[in-house]
Amino acid sequence: MKNVSLFKVTAMVVTVAFASSFVNAEDKISKVVEKVESDVVEVSKQLNFPALIEELDSDKNGMLSQSEVSANQSKLLQEEFNKMDVNQDKQIDEAEFNSYLAEVKDKATAIAKSVI
């Protein structure tokens, strides 16, 4: 029977432990990315345009104006209004709103993936 040095055994154990930590870290990061994506989808469902129109569209024109958003207590909508209003007509239609949500989702996913 061959003698195996303690150094070789220790080196092998350290190598295997190190490799397994990388595998586990990658699995955890993948799960975090999936969680971020699902959270964004859930928020998107809660912030759907038809529900906002029903609640905030006082002039019933199918769009949200700055004054309608300002009358609401949502600081987030007020702060993000200009980012959503791509054509700068001081109103947000459903296409602008959905485009903004898709952009936010893409950014959140990119940030989560950049941690990898």
PDB file of N, CA and C in Angstrom:
ATOM      1  N   MET A   1       0.837  -1.175   0.000  1.00  0.00           N
ATOM      2  CA  MET A   1       0.000   0.000   0.000  1.00  0.00           C
ATOM      3  C   MET A   1       0.882   1.237   0.000  1.00  0.00           C
ATOM      4  N   LYS A   2       0.477   2.249  -0.803  1.00  0.00           N
ATOM      5  CA  LYS A   2       1.247   3.474  -0.908  1.00  0.00           C
ATOM      6  C   LYS A   2       0.998   4.390   0.274  1.00  0.00           C
ATOM      7  N   ASN A   3       2.013   5.071   0.681  1.00  0.00           N
ATOM      8  CA  ASN A   3       1.857   6.097   1.704  1.00  0.00           C
ATOM      9  C   ASN A   3       1.425   7.396   1.033  1.00  0.00           C
ATOM     10  N   VAL A   4       0.401   8.011   1.574  1.00  0.00           N
ATOM     11  CA  VAL A   4      -0.090   9.288   1.055  1.00  0.00           C
ATOM     12  C   VAL A   4       0.296  10.356   2.066  1.00  0.00           C
ATOM     13  N   SER A   5       0.892  11.407   1.579  1.00  0.00           N
ATOM     14  CA  SER A   5       1.352  12.437   2.513  1.00  0.00           C
ATOM     15  C   SER A   5       0.164  13.250   3.039  1.00  0.00           C
ATOM     16  N   LEU A   6       0.316  13.721   4.222  1.00  0.00           N
ATOM     17  CA  LEU A   6      -0.698  14.567   4.849  1.00  0.00           C
ATOM     18  C   LEU A   6      -0.895  15.834   4.029  1.00  0.00           C
ATOM     19  N   PHE A   7       0.171  16.339   3.435  1.00  0.00           N
ATOM     20  CA  PHE A   7       0.097  17.545   2.620  1.00  0.00           C
ATOM     21  C   PHE A   7      -0.817  17.319   1.413  1.00  0.00           C
ATOM     22  N   LYS A   8      -0.665  16.182   0.728  1.00  0.00           N
ATOM     23  CA  LYS A   8      -1.496  15.898  -0.441  1.00  0.00           C
ATOM     24  C   LYS A   8      -2.969  15.751  -0.060  1.00  0.00           C
ATOM     25  N   VAL A   9      -3.240  15.098   1.044  1.00  0.00           N
ATOM     26  CA  VAL A   9      -4.622  14.934   1.502  1.00  0.00           C
ATOM     27  C   VAL A   9      -5.225  16.294   1.844  1.00  0.00           C
ATOM     28  N   THR A  10      -4.455  17.105   2.565  1.00  0.00           N
ATOM     29  CA  THR A  10      -4.930  18.435   2.948  1.00  0.00           C
ATOM     30  C   THR A  10      -5.175  19.293   1.714  1.00  0.00           C
ATOM     31  N   ALA A  11      -4.251  19.244   0.761  1.00  0.00           N
ATOM     32  CA  ALA A  11      -4.410  20.018  -0.472  1.00  0.00           C
ATOM     33  C   ALA A  11      -5.662  19.585  -1.222  1.00  0.00           C
ATOM     34  N   MET A  12      -5.915  18.305  -1.275  1.00  0.00           N
ATOM     35  CA  MET A  12      -7.106  17.799  -1.959  1.00  0.00           C
ATOM     36  C   MET A  12      -8.376  18.254  -1.250  1.00  0.00           C
ATOM     37  N   VAL A  13      -8.406  18.168   0.073  1.00  0.00           N
ATOM     38  CA  VAL A  13      -9.583  18.583   0.845  1.00  0.00           C
ATOM     39  C   VAL A  13      -9.849  20.071   0.647  1.00  0.00           C
ATOM     40  N   VAL A  14      -8.811  20.890   0.710  1.00  0.00           N
ATOM     41  CA  VAL A  14      -8.963  22.340   0.522  1.00  0.00           C
ATOM     42  C   VAL A  14      -9.469  22.640  -0.886  1.00  0.00           C
ATOM     43  N   THR A  15      -8.931  21.962  -1.882  1.00  0.00           N
ATOM     44  CA  THR A  15      -9.354  22.168  -3.263  1.00  0.00           C
ATOM     45  C   THR A  15     -10.827  21.817  -3.447  1.00  0.00           C
ATOM     46  N   VAL A  16     -11.242  20.688  -2.927  1.00  0.00           N
ATOM     47  CA  VAL A  16     -12.641  20.262  -3.045  1.00  0.00           C
ATOM     48  C   VAL A  16     -13.565  21.230  -2.300  1.00  0.00           C
ATOM     49  N   ALA A  17     -13.166  21.655  -1.109  1.00  0.00           N
ATOM     50  CA  ALA A  17     -13.981  22.600  -0.337  1.00  0.00           C
ATOM     51  C   ALA A  17     -14.107  23.928  -1.073  1.00  0.00           C
ATOM     52  N   PHE A  18     -13.006  24.403  -1.624  1.00  0.00           N
ATOM     53  CA  PHE A  18     -12.997  25.657  -2.361  1.00  0.00           C
ATOM     54  C   PHE A  18     -13.902  25.574  -3.593  1.00  0.00           C
ATOM     55  N   ALA A  19     -13.782  24.484  -4.330  1.00  0.00           N
ATOM     56  CA  ALA A  19     -14.601  24.295  -5.529  1.00  0.00           C
ATOM     57  C   ALA A  19     -16.078  24.209  -5.177  1.00  0.00           C
ATOM     58  N   SER A  20     -16.398  23.520  -4.084  1.00  0.00           N
ATOM     59  CA  SER A  20     -17.810  23.401  -3.712  1.00  0.00           C
ATOM     60  C   SER A  20     -18.383  24.738  -3.276  1.00  0.00           C
ATOM     61  N   SER A  21     -17.570  25.607  -2.682  1.00  0.00           N
ATOM     62  CA  SER A  21     -18.087  26.922  -2.290  1.00  0.00           C
ATOM     63  C   SER A  21     -18.423  27.752  -3.514  1.00  0.00           C
ATOM     64  N   PHE A  22     -17.642  27.617  -4.603  1.00  0.00           N
ATOM     65  CA  PHE A  22     -17.965  28.323  -5.834  1.00  0.00           C
ATOM     66  C   PHE A  22     -19.264  27.814  -6.440  1.00  0.00           C
ATOM     67  N   VAL A  23     -19.457  26.532  -6.437  1.00  0.00           N
ATOM     68  CA  VAL A  23     -20.684  25.948  -6.979  1.00  0.00           C
ATOM     69  C   VAL A  23     -21.877  26.423  -6.158  1.00  0.00           C
ATOM     70  N   ASN A  24     -21.770  26.375  -4.845  1.00  0.00           N
ATOM     71  CA  ASN A  24     -22.868  26.828  -3.988  1.00  0.00           C
ATOM     72  C   ASN A  24     -23.137  28.311  -4.161  1.00  0.00           C
ATOM     73  N   ALA A  25     -22.099  29.129  -4.307  1.00  0.00           N
ATOM     74  CA  ALA A  25     -22.278  30.571  -4.490  1.00  0.00           C
ATOM     75  C   ALA A  25     -23.015  30.851  -5.793  1.00  0.00           C
ATOM     76  N   GLU A  26     -22.655  30.125  -6.854  1.00  0.00           N
ATOM     77  CA  GLU A  26     -23.327  30.335  -8.130  1.00  0.00           C
ATOM     78  C   GLU A  26     -24.796  29.944  -8.049  1.00  0.00           C
ATOM     79  N   ASP A  27     -25.113  28.864  -7.350  1.00  0.00           N
ATOM     80  CA  ASP A  27     -26.501  28.460  -7.154  1.00  0.00           C
ATOM     81  C   ASP A  27     -27.271  29.531  -6.389  1.00  0.00           C
ATOM     82  N   LYS A  28     -26.661  30.069  -5.346  1.00  0.00           N
ATOM     83  CA  LYS A  28     -27.324  31.109  -4.548  1.00  0.00           C
ATOM     84  C   LYS A  28     -27.560  32.364  -5.374  1.00  0.00           C
ATOM     85  N   ILE A  29     -26.590  32.749  -6.185  1.00  0.00           N
ATOM     86  CA  ILE A  29     -26.744  33.935  -7.025  1.00  0.00           C
ATOM     87  C   ILE A  29     -27.843  33.710  -8.052  1.00  0.00           C
ATOM     88  N   SER A  30     -27.901  32.536  -8.628  1.00  0.00           N
ATOM     89  CA  SER A  30     -28.967  32.230  -9.589  1.00  0.00           C
ATOM     90  C   SER A  30     -30.329  32.343  -8.925  1.00  0.00           C
ATOM     91  N   LYS A  31     -30.422  31.858  -7.699  1.00  0.00           N
ATOM     92  CA  LYS A  31     -31.690  31.959  -6.975  1.00  0.00           C
ATOM     93  C   LYS A  31     -32.041  33.406  -6.675  1.00  0.00           C
ATOM     94  N   VAL A  32     -31.041  34.237  -6.362  1.00  0.00           N
ATOM     95  CA  VAL A  32     -31.294  35.659  -6.112  1.00  0.00           C
ATOM     96  C   VAL A  32     -31.791  36.334  -7.385  1.00  0.00           C
ATOM     97  N   VAL A  33     -31.175  36.030  -8.523  1.00  0.00           N
ATOM     98  CA  VAL A  33     -31.605  36.605  -9.794  1.00  0.00           C
ATOM     99  C   VAL A  33     -33.047  36.191 -10.095  1.00  0.00           C
ATOM    100  N   GLU A  34     -33.367  34.926  -9.897  1.00  0.00           N
ATOM    101  CA  GLU A  34     -34.742  34.459 -10.115  1.00  0.00           C
ATOM    102  C   GLU A  34     -35.715  35.168  -9.184  1.00  0.00           C
ATOM    103  N   LYS A  35     -35.315  35.376  -7.936  1.00  0.00           N
ATOM    104  CA  LYS A  35     -36.175  36.059  -6.960  1.00  0.00           C
ATOM    105  C   LYS A  35     -36.417  37.506  -7.380  1.00  0.00           C
ATOM    106  N   VAL A  36     -35.371  38.201  -7.824  1.00  0.00           N
ATOM    107  CA  VAL A  36     -35.522  39.588  -8.273  1.00  0.00           C
ATOM    108  C   VAL A  36     -36.482  39.648  -9.453  1.00  0.00           C
ATOM    109  N   GLU A  37     -36.309  38.742 -10.412  1.00  0.00           N
ATOM    110  CA  GLU A  37     -37.192  38.721 -11.570  1.00  0.00           C
ATOM    111  C   GLU A  37     -38.635  38.460 -11.166  1.00  0.00           C
ATOM    112  N   SER A  38     -38.864  37.518 -10.258  1.00  0.00           N
ATOM    113  CA  SER A  38     -40.238  37.229  -9.839  1.00  0.00           C
ATOM    114  C   SER A  38     -40.832  38.380  -9.032  1.00  0.00           C
ATOM    115  N   ASP A  39     -39.999  39.053  -8.220  1.00  0.00           N
ATOM    116  CA  ASP A  39     -40.488  40.214  -7.468  1.00  0.00           C
ATOM    117  C   ASP A  39     -40.909  41.341  -8.406  1.00  0.00           C
ATOM    118  N   VAL A  40     -40.122  41.571  -9.457  1.00  0.00           N
ATOM    119  CA  VAL A  40     -40.469  42.616 -10.419  1.00  0.00           C
ATOM    120  C   VAL A  40     -41.767  42.267 -11.135  1.00  0.00           C
ATOM    121  N   VAL A  41     -41.932  41.008 -11.494  1.00  0.00           N
ATOM    122  CA  VAL A  41     -43.171  40.581 -12.147  1.00  0.00           C
ATOM    123  C   VAL A  41     -44.359  40.792 -11.213  1.00  0.00           C
ATOM    124  N   GLU A  42     -44.183  40.468  -9.938  1.00  0.00           N
ATOM    125  CA  GLU A  42     -45.260  40.643  -8.960  1.00  0.00           C
ATOM    126  C   GLU A  42     -45.619  42.119  -8.794  1.00  0.00           C
ATOM    127  N   VAL A  43     -44.621  42.972  -8.707  1.00  0.00           N
ATOM    128  CA  VAL A  43     -44.881  44.412  -8.602  1.00  0.00           C
ATOM    129  C   VAL A  43     -45.581  44.902  -9.860  1.00  0.00           C
ATOM    130  N   SER A  44     -45.166  44.401 -11.018  1.00  0.00           N
ATOM    131  CA  SER A  44     -45.807  44.785 -12.274  1.00  0.00           C
ATOM    132  C   SER A  44     -47.286  44.418 -12.277  1.00  0.00           C
ATOM    133  N   LYS A  45     -47.604  43.259 -11.716  1.00  0.00           N
ATOM    134  CA  LYS A  45     -49.005  42.847 -11.646  1.00  0.00           C
ATOM    135  C   LYS A  45     -49.800  43.786 -10.745  1.00  0.00           C
ATOM    136  N   GLN A  46     -49.180  44.199  -9.633  1.00  0.00           N
ATOM    137  CA  GLN A  46     -49.868  45.092  -8.701  1.00  0.00           C
ATOM    138  C   GLN A  46     -49.999  46.496  -9.274  1.00  0.00           C
ATOM    139  N   LEU A  47     -49.023  46.923 -10.049  1.00  0.00           N
ATOM    140  CA  LEU A  47     -49.040  48.257 -10.639  1.00  0.00           C
ATOM    141  C   LEU A  47     -49.486  48.196 -12.092  1.00  0.00           C
ATOM    142  N   ASN A  48     -50.592  47.554 -12.341  1.00  0.00           N
ATOM    143  CA  ASN A  48     -51.029  47.473 -13.723  1.00  0.00           C
ATOM    144  C   ASN A  48     -51.752  48.750 -14.130  1.00  0.00           C
ATOM    145  N   PHE A  49     -51.597  49.121 -15.373  1.00  0.00           N
ATOM    146  CA  PHE A  49     -52.111  50.391 -15.866  1.00  0.00           C
ATOM    147  C   PHE A  49     -53.637  50.499 -15.747  1.00  0.00           C
ATOM    148  N   PRO A  50     -54.399  49.479 -16.121  1.00  0.00           N
ATOM    149  CA  PRO A  50     -55.855  49.612 -15.981  1.00  0.00           C
ATOM    150  C   PRO A  50     -56.297  49.927 -14.542  1.00  0.00           C
ATOM    151  N   ALA A  51     -55.642  49.339 -13.555  1.00  0.00           N
ATOM    152  CA  ALA A  51     -56.002  49.632 -12.164  1.00  0.00           C
ATOM    153  C   ALA A  51     -55.664  51.075 -11.802  1.00  0.00           C
ATOM    154  N   LEU A  52     -54.515  51.551 -12.269  1.00  0.00           N
ATOM    155  CA  LEU A  52     -54.155  52.950 -12.017  1.00  0.00           C
ATOM    156  C   LEU A  52     -55.124  53.906 -12.701  1.00  0.00           C
ATOM    157  N   ILE A  53     -55.498  53.599 -13.925  1.00  0.00           N
ATOM    158  CA  ILE A  53     -56.460  54.439 -14.654  1.00  0.00           C
ATOM    159  C   ILE A  53     -57.786  54.494 -13.900  1.00  0.00           C
ATOM    160  N   GLU A  54     -58.236  53.333 -13.464  1.00  0.00           N
ATOM    161  CA  GLU A  54     -59.509  53.281 -12.734  1.00  0.00           C
ATOM    162  C   GLU A  54     -59.454  54.142 -11.467  1.00  0.00           C
ATOM    163  N   GLU A  55     -58.311  54.108 -10.794  1.00  0.00           N
ATOM    164  CA  GLU A  55     -58.183  54.837  -9.538  1.00  0.00           C
ATOM    165  C   GLU A  55     -57.876  56.319  -9.720  1.00  0.00           C
ATOM    166  N   LEU A  56     -57.046  56.676 -10.717  1.00  0.00           N
ATOM    167  CA  LEU A  56     -56.518  58.030 -10.791  1.00  0.00           C
ATOM    168  C   LEU A  56     -57.029  58.893 -11.942  1.00  0.00           C
ATOM    169  N   ASP A  57     -57.543  58.293 -12.989  1.00  0.00           N
ATOM    170  CA  ASP A  57     -57.911  59.043 -14.192  1.00  0.00           C
ATOM    171  C   ASP A  57     -59.218  59.811 -13.986  1.00  0.00           C
ATOM    172  N   SER A  58     -59.111  61.003 -13.421  1.00  0.00           N
ATOM    173  CA  SER A  58     -60.311  61.779 -13.080  1.00  0.00           C
ATOM    174  C   SER A  58     -61.029  62.331 -14.309  1.00  0.00           C
ATOM    175  N   ASP A  59     -60.303  62.617 -15.407  1.00  0.00           N
ATOM    176  CA  ASP A  59     -60.971  63.142 -16.597  1.00  0.00           C
ATOM    177  C   ASP A  59     -61.384  62.037 -17.579  1.00  0.00           C
ATOM    178  N   LYS A  60     -61.108  60.781 -17.207  1.00  0.00           N
ATOM    179  CA  LYS A  60     -61.528  59.589 -17.969  1.00  0.00           C
ATOM    180  C   LYS A  60     -61.080  59.606 -19.425  1.00  0.00           C
ATOM    181  N   ASN A  61     -59.837  60.079 -19.679  1.00  0.00           N
ATOM    182  CA  ASN A  61     -59.319  60.077 -21.050  1.00  0.00           C
ATOM    183  C   ASN A  61     -58.407  58.881 -21.340  1.00  0.00           C
ATOM    184  N   GLY A  62     -58.251  57.998 -20.358  1.00  0.00           N
ATOM    185  CA  GLY A  62     -57.450  56.795 -20.557  1.00  0.00           C
ATOM    186  C   GLY A  62     -55.962  57.000 -20.386  1.00  0.00           C
ATOM    187  N   MET A  63     -55.566  58.185 -19.893  1.00  0.00           N
ATOM    188  CA  MET A  63     -54.158  58.485 -19.641  1.00  0.00           C
ATOM    189  C   MET A  63     -54.032  59.146 -18.277  1.00  0.00           C
ATOM    190  N   LEU A  64     -52.814  59.103 -17.745  1.00  0.00           N
ATOM    191  CA  LEU A  64     -52.550  59.761 -16.468  1.00  0.00           C
ATOM    192  C   LEU A  64     -51.800  61.061 -16.715  1.00  0.00           C
ATOM    193  N   SER A  65     -52.359  62.155 -16.225  1.00  0.00           N
ATOM    194  CA  SER A  65     -51.688  63.442 -16.357  1.00  0.00           C
ATOM    195  C   SER A  65     -50.865  63.713 -15.106  1.00  0.00           C
ATOM    196  N   GLN A  66     -49.998  64.724 -15.191  1.00  0.00           N
ATOM    197  CA  GLN A  66     -49.192  65.080 -14.025  1.00  0.00           C
ATOM    198  C   GLN A  66     -50.079  65.516 -12.872  1.00  0.00           C
ATOM    199  N   SER A  67     -51.139  66.238 -13.159  1.00  0.00           N
ATOM    200  CA  SER A  67     -52.011  66.704 -12.075  1.00  0.00           C
ATOM    201  C   SER A  67     -52.752  65.540 -11.416  1.00  0.00           C
ATOM    202  N   GLU A  68     -53.147  64.543 -12.200  1.00  0.00           N
ATOM    203  CA  GLU A  68     -53.806  63.374 -11.620  1.00  0.00           C
ATOM    204  C   GLU A  68     -52.843  62.587 -10.743  1.00  0.00           C
ATOM    205  N   VAL A  69     -51.622  62.445 -11.190  1.00  0.00           N
ATOM    206  CA  VAL A  69     -50.619  61.734 -10.399  1.00  0.00           C
ATOM    207  C   VAL A  69     -50.255  62.543  -9.157  1.00  0.00           C
ATOM    208  N   SER A  70     -50.171  63.863  -9.295  1.00  0.00           N
ATOM    209  CA  SER A  70     -49.840  64.718  -8.150  1.00  0.00           C
ATOM    210  C   SER A  70     -50.932  64.691  -7.095  1.00  0.00           C
ATOM    211  N   ALA A  71     -52.178  64.548  -7.517  1.00  0.00           N
ATOM    212  CA  ALA A  71     -53.288  64.487  -6.565  1.00  0.00           C
ATOM    213  C   ALA A  71     -53.241  63.213  -5.735  1.00  0.00           C
ATOM    214  N   ASN A  72     -52.619  62.181  -6.296  1.00  0.00           N
ATOM    215  CA  ASN A  72     -52.449  60.923  -5.586  1.00  0.00           C
ATOM    216  C   ASN A  72     -51.285  61.059  -4.621  1.00  0.00           C
ATOM    217  N   GLN A  73     -51.284  60.279  -3.574  1.00  0.00           N
ATOM    218  CA  GLN A  73     -50.232  60.358  -2.564  1.00  0.00           C
ATOM    219  C   GLN A  73     -49.017  59.496  -2.882  1.00  0.00           C
ATOM    220  N   SER A  74     -48.972  58.903  -4.059  1.00  0.00           N
ATOM    221  CA  SER A  74     -47.859  58.023  -4.424  1.00  0.00           C
ATOM    222  C   SER A  74     -46.634  58.842  -4.814  1.00  0.00           C
ATOM    223  N   LYS A  75     -45.674  58.884  -3.917  1.00  0.00           N
ATOM    224  CA  LYS A  75     -44.423  59.609  -4.182  1.00  0.00           C
ATOM    225  C   LYS A  75     -43.672  58.969  -5.344  1.00  0.00           C
ATOM    226  N   LEU A  76     -43.718  57.633  -5.432  1.00  0.00           N
ATOM    227  CA  LEU A  76     -43.009  56.932  -6.493  1.00  0.00           C
ATOM    228  C   LEU A  76     -43.518  57.356  -7.862  1.00  0.00           C
ATOM    229  N   LEU A  77     -44.832  57.384  -8.055  1.00  0.00           N
ATOM    230  CA  LEU A  77     -45.394  57.805  -9.340  1.00  0.00           C
ATOM    231  C   LEU A  77     -45.005  59.242  -9.652  1.00  0.00           C
ATOM    232  N   GLN A  78     -45.054  60.105  -8.647  1.00  0.00           N
ATOM    233  CA  GLN A  78     -44.701  61.506  -8.864  1.00  0.00           C
ATOM    234  C   GLN A  78     -43.237  61.654  -9.263  1.00  0.00           C
ATOM    235  N   GLU A  79     -42.362  60.920  -8.582  1.00  0.00           N
ATOM    236  CA  GLU A  79     -40.928  61.010  -8.863  1.00  0.00           C
ATOM    237  C   GLU A  79     -40.561  60.413 -10.221  1.00  0.00           C
ATOM    238  N   GLU A  80     -41.261  59.385 -10.635  1.00  0.00           N
ATOM    239  CA  GLU A  80     -40.918  58.676 -11.868  1.00  0.00           C
ATOM    240  C   GLU A  80     -41.727  59.144 -13.076  1.00  0.00           C
ATOM    241  N   PHE A  81     -42.629  60.089 -12.890  1.00  0.00           N
ATOM    242  CA  PHE A  81     -43.524  60.516 -13.965  1.00  0.00           C
ATOM    243  C   PHE A  81     -42.748  60.921 -15.221  1.00  0.00           C
ATOM    244  N   ASN A  82     -41.749  61.789 -15.076  1.00  0.00           N
ATOM    245  CA  ASN A  82     -41.011  62.277 -16.251  1.00  0.00           C
ATOM    246  C   ASN A  82     -40.234  61.175 -16.958  1.00  0.00           C
ATOM    247  N   LYS A  83     -39.798  60.166 -16.210  1.00  0.00           N
ATOM    248  CA  LYS A  83     -39.111  59.036 -16.846  1.00  0.00           C
ATOM    249  C   LYS A  83     -40.089  58.201 -17.664  1.00  0.00           C
ATOM    250  N   MET A  84     -41.322  58.105 -17.185  1.00  0.00           N
ATOM    251  CA  MET A  84     -42.338  57.335 -17.906  1.00  0.00           C
ATOM    252  C   MET A  84     -42.841  58.082 -19.138  1.00  0.00           C
ATOM    253  N   ASP A  85     -42.934  59.403 -19.027  1.00  0.00           N
ATOM    254  CA  ASP A  85     -43.490  60.235 -20.097  1.00  0.00           C
ATOM    255  C   ASP A  85     -42.447  60.463 -21.190  1.00  0.00           C
ATOM    256  N   VAL A  86     -42.234  59.447 -22.000  1.00  0.00           N
ATOM    257  CA  VAL A  86     -41.178  59.466 -23.006  1.00  0.00           C
ATOM    258  C   VAL A  86     -41.380  60.584 -24.026  1.00  0.00           C
ATOM    259  N   ASN A  87     -42.605  60.789 -24.471  1.00  0.00           N
ATOM    260  CA  ASN A  87     -42.848  61.808 -25.502  1.00  0.00           C
ATOM    261  C   ASN A  87     -43.061  63.213 -24.918  1.00  0.00           C
ATOM    262  N   GLN A  88     -42.931  63.338 -23.606  1.00  0.00           N
ATOM    263  CA  GLN A  88     -43.000  64.625 -22.899  1.00  0.00           C
ATOM    264  C   GLN A  88     -44.288  65.414 -23.180  1.00  0.00           C
ATOM    265  N   ASP A  89     -45.411  64.689 -23.284  1.00  0.00           N
ATOM    266  CA  ASP A  89     -46.694  65.368 -23.495  1.00  0.00           C
ATOM    267  C   ASP A  89     -47.448  65.592 -22.187  1.00  0.00           C
ATOM    268  N   LYS A  90     -46.755  65.364 -21.078  1.00  0.00           N
ATOM    269  CA  LYS A  90     -47.310  65.551 -19.723  1.00  0.00           C
ATOM    270  C   LYS A  90     -48.446  64.580 -19.417  1.00  0.00           C
ATOM    271  N   GLN A  91     -48.467  63.467 -20.156  1.00  0.00           N
ATOM    272  CA  GLN A  91     -49.440  62.411 -19.903  1.00  0.00           C
ATOM    273  C   GLN A  91     -48.763  61.072 -20.139  1.00  0.00           C
ATOM    274  N   ILE A  92     -49.215  60.082 -19.380  1.00  0.00           N
ATOM    275  CA  ILE A  92     -48.673  58.733 -19.525  1.00  0.00           C
ATOM    276  C   ILE A  92     -49.773  57.837 -20.082  1.00  0.00           C
ATOM    277  N   ASP A  93     -49.476  57.212 -21.211  1.00  0.00           N
ATOM    278  CA  ASP A  93     -50.430  56.236 -21.747  1.00  0.00           C
ATOM    279  C   ASP A  93     -49.947  54.834 -21.380  1.00  0.00           C
ATOM    280  N   GLU A  94     -50.726  53.841 -21.730  1.00  0.00           N
ATOM    281  CA  GLU A  94     -50.409  52.464 -21.333  1.00  0.00           C
ATOM    282  C   GLU A  94     -49.098  51.978 -21.944  1.00  0.00           C
ATOM    283  N   ALA A  95     -48.814  52.358 -23.175  1.00  0.00           N
ATOM    284  CA  ALA A  95     -47.564  51.923 -23.829  1.00  0.00           C
ATOM    285  C   ALA A  95     -46.348  52.487 -23.097  1.00  0.00           C
ATOM    286  N   GLU A  96     -46.399  53.763 -22.720  1.00  0.00           N
ATOM    287  CA  GLU A  96     -45.286  54.366 -21.986  1.00  0.00           C
ATOM    288  C   GLU A  96     -45.106  53.703 -20.626  1.00  0.00           C
ATOM    289  N   PHE A  97     -46.214  53.442 -19.961  1.00  0.00           N
ATOM    290  CA  PHE A  97     -46.171  52.812 -18.646  1.00  0.00           C
ATOM    291  C   PHE A  97     -45.558  51.416 -18.728  1.00  0.00           C
ATOM    292  N   ASN A  98     -46.031  50.610 -19.680  1.00  0.00           N
ATOM    293  CA  ASN A  98     -45.521  49.244 -19.829  1.00  0.00           C
ATOM    294  C   ASN A  98     -44.051  49.235 -20.264  1.00  0.00           C
ATOM    295  N   SER A  99     -43.670  50.179 -21.107  1.00  0.00           N
ATOM    296  CA  SER A  99     -42.281  50.294 -21.526  1.00  0.00           C
ATOM    297  C   SER A  99     -41.390  50.617 -20.333  1.00  0.00           C
ATOM    298  N   TYR A 100     -41.862  51.509 -19.481  1.00  0.00           N
ATOM    299  CA  TYR A 100     -41.107  51.874 -18.281  1.00  0.00           C
ATOM    300  C   TYR A 100     -40.939  50.664 -17.360  1.00  0.00           C
ATOM    301  N   LEU A 101     -42.014  49.910 -17.141  1.00  0.00           N
ATOM    302  CA  LEU A 101     -41.921  48.722 -16.289  1.00  0.00           C
ATOM    303  C   LEU A 101     -40.944  47.691 -16.861  1.00  0.00           C
ATOM    304  N   ALA A 102     -40.967  47.513 -18.171  1.00  0.00           N
ATOM    305  CA  ALA A 102     -40.035  46.563 -18.804  1.00  0.00           C
ATOM    306  C   ALA A 102     -38.595  47.032 -18.611  1.00  0.00           C
ATOM    307  N   GLU A 103     -38.371  48.333 -18.730  1.00  0.00           N
ATOM    308  CA  GLU A 103     -37.024  48.884 -18.533  1.00  0.00           C
ATOM    309  C   GLU A 103     -36.548  48.679 -17.097  1.00  0.00           C
ATOM    310  N   VAL A 104     -37.442  48.916 -16.141  1.00  0.00           N
ATOM    311  CA  VAL A 104     -37.096  48.718 -14.730  1.00  0.00           C
ATOM    312  C   VAL A 104     -36.770  47.252 -14.463  1.00  0.00           C
ATOM    313  N   LYS A 105     -37.563  46.352 -15.042  1.00  0.00           N
ATOM    314  CA  LYS A 105     -37.310  44.923 -14.869  1.00  0.00           C
ATOM    315  C   LYS A 105     -35.949  44.539 -15.433  1.00  0.00           C
ATOM    316  N   ASP A 106     -35.649  45.051 -16.620  1.00  0.00           N
ATOM    317  CA  ASP A 106     -34.356  44.750 -17.247  1.00  0.00           C
ATOM    318  C   ASP A 106     -33.192  45.267 -16.406  1.00  0.00           C
ATOM    319  N   LYS A 107     -33.337  46.474 -15.873  1.00  0.00           N
ATOM    320  CA  LYS A 107     -32.275  47.046 -15.039  1.00  0.00           C
ATOM    321  C   LYS A 107     -32.088  46.242 -13.757  1.00  0.00           C
ATOM    322  N   ALA A 108     -33.191  45.864 -13.117  1.00  0.00           N
ATOM    323  CA  ALA A 108     -33.099  45.079 -11.875  1.00  0.00           C
ATOM    324  C   ALA A 108     -32.442  43.732 -12.125  1.00  0.00           C
ATOM    325  N   THR A 109     -32.792  43.110 -13.233  1.00  0.00           N
ATOM    326  CA  THR A 109     -32.191  41.822 -13.577  1.00  0.00           C
ATOM    327  C   THR A 109     -30.707  41.989 -13.881  1.00  0.00           C
ATOM    328  N   ALA A 110     -30.353  43.039 -14.598  1.00  0.00           N
ATOM    329  CA  ALA A 110     -28.945  43.290 -14.931  1.00  0.00           C
ATOM    330  C   ALA A 110     -28.123  43.535 -13.672  1.00  0.00           C
ATOM    331  N   ILE A 111     -28.678  44.278 -12.728  1.00  0.00           N
ATOM    332  CA  ILE A 111     -27.979  44.538 -11.475  1.00  0.00           C
ATOM    333  C   ILE A 111     -27.765  43.244 -10.709  1.00  0.00           C
ATOM    334  N   ALA A 112     -28.807  42.443 -10.626  1.00  0.00           N
ATOM    335  CA  ALA A 112     -28.693  41.162  -9.908  1.00  0.00           C
ATOM    336  C   ALA A 112     -27.662  40.258 -10.577  1.00  0.00           C
ATOM    337  N   LYS A 113     -27.636  40.239 -11.909  1.00  0.00           N
ATOM    338  CA  LYS A 113     -26.697  39.393 -12.624  1.00  0.00           C
ATOM    339  C   LYS A 113     -25.273  39.919 -12.542  1.00  0.00           C
ATOM    340  N   SER A 114     -25.114  41.233 -12.374  1.00  0.00           N
ATOM    341  CA  SER A 114     -23.762  41.809 -12.321  1.00  0.00           C
ATOM    342  C   SER A 114     -23.023  41.396 -11.052  1.00  0.00           C
ATOM    343  N   VAL A 115     -23.770  40.905 -10.090  1.00  0.00           N
ATOM    344  CA  VAL A 115     -23.163  40.447  -8.843  1.00  0.00           C
ATOM    345  C   VAL A 115     -22.430  39.122  -9.061  1.00  0.00           C
ATOM    346  N   ILE A 116     -22.837  38.411 -10.094  1.00  0.00           N
ATOM    347  CA  ILE A 116     -22.261  37.082 -10.375  1.00  0.00           C
ATOM    348  C   ILE A 116     -20.789  37.173 -10.636  1.00  0.00           C
TER     349      ILE A 116
END
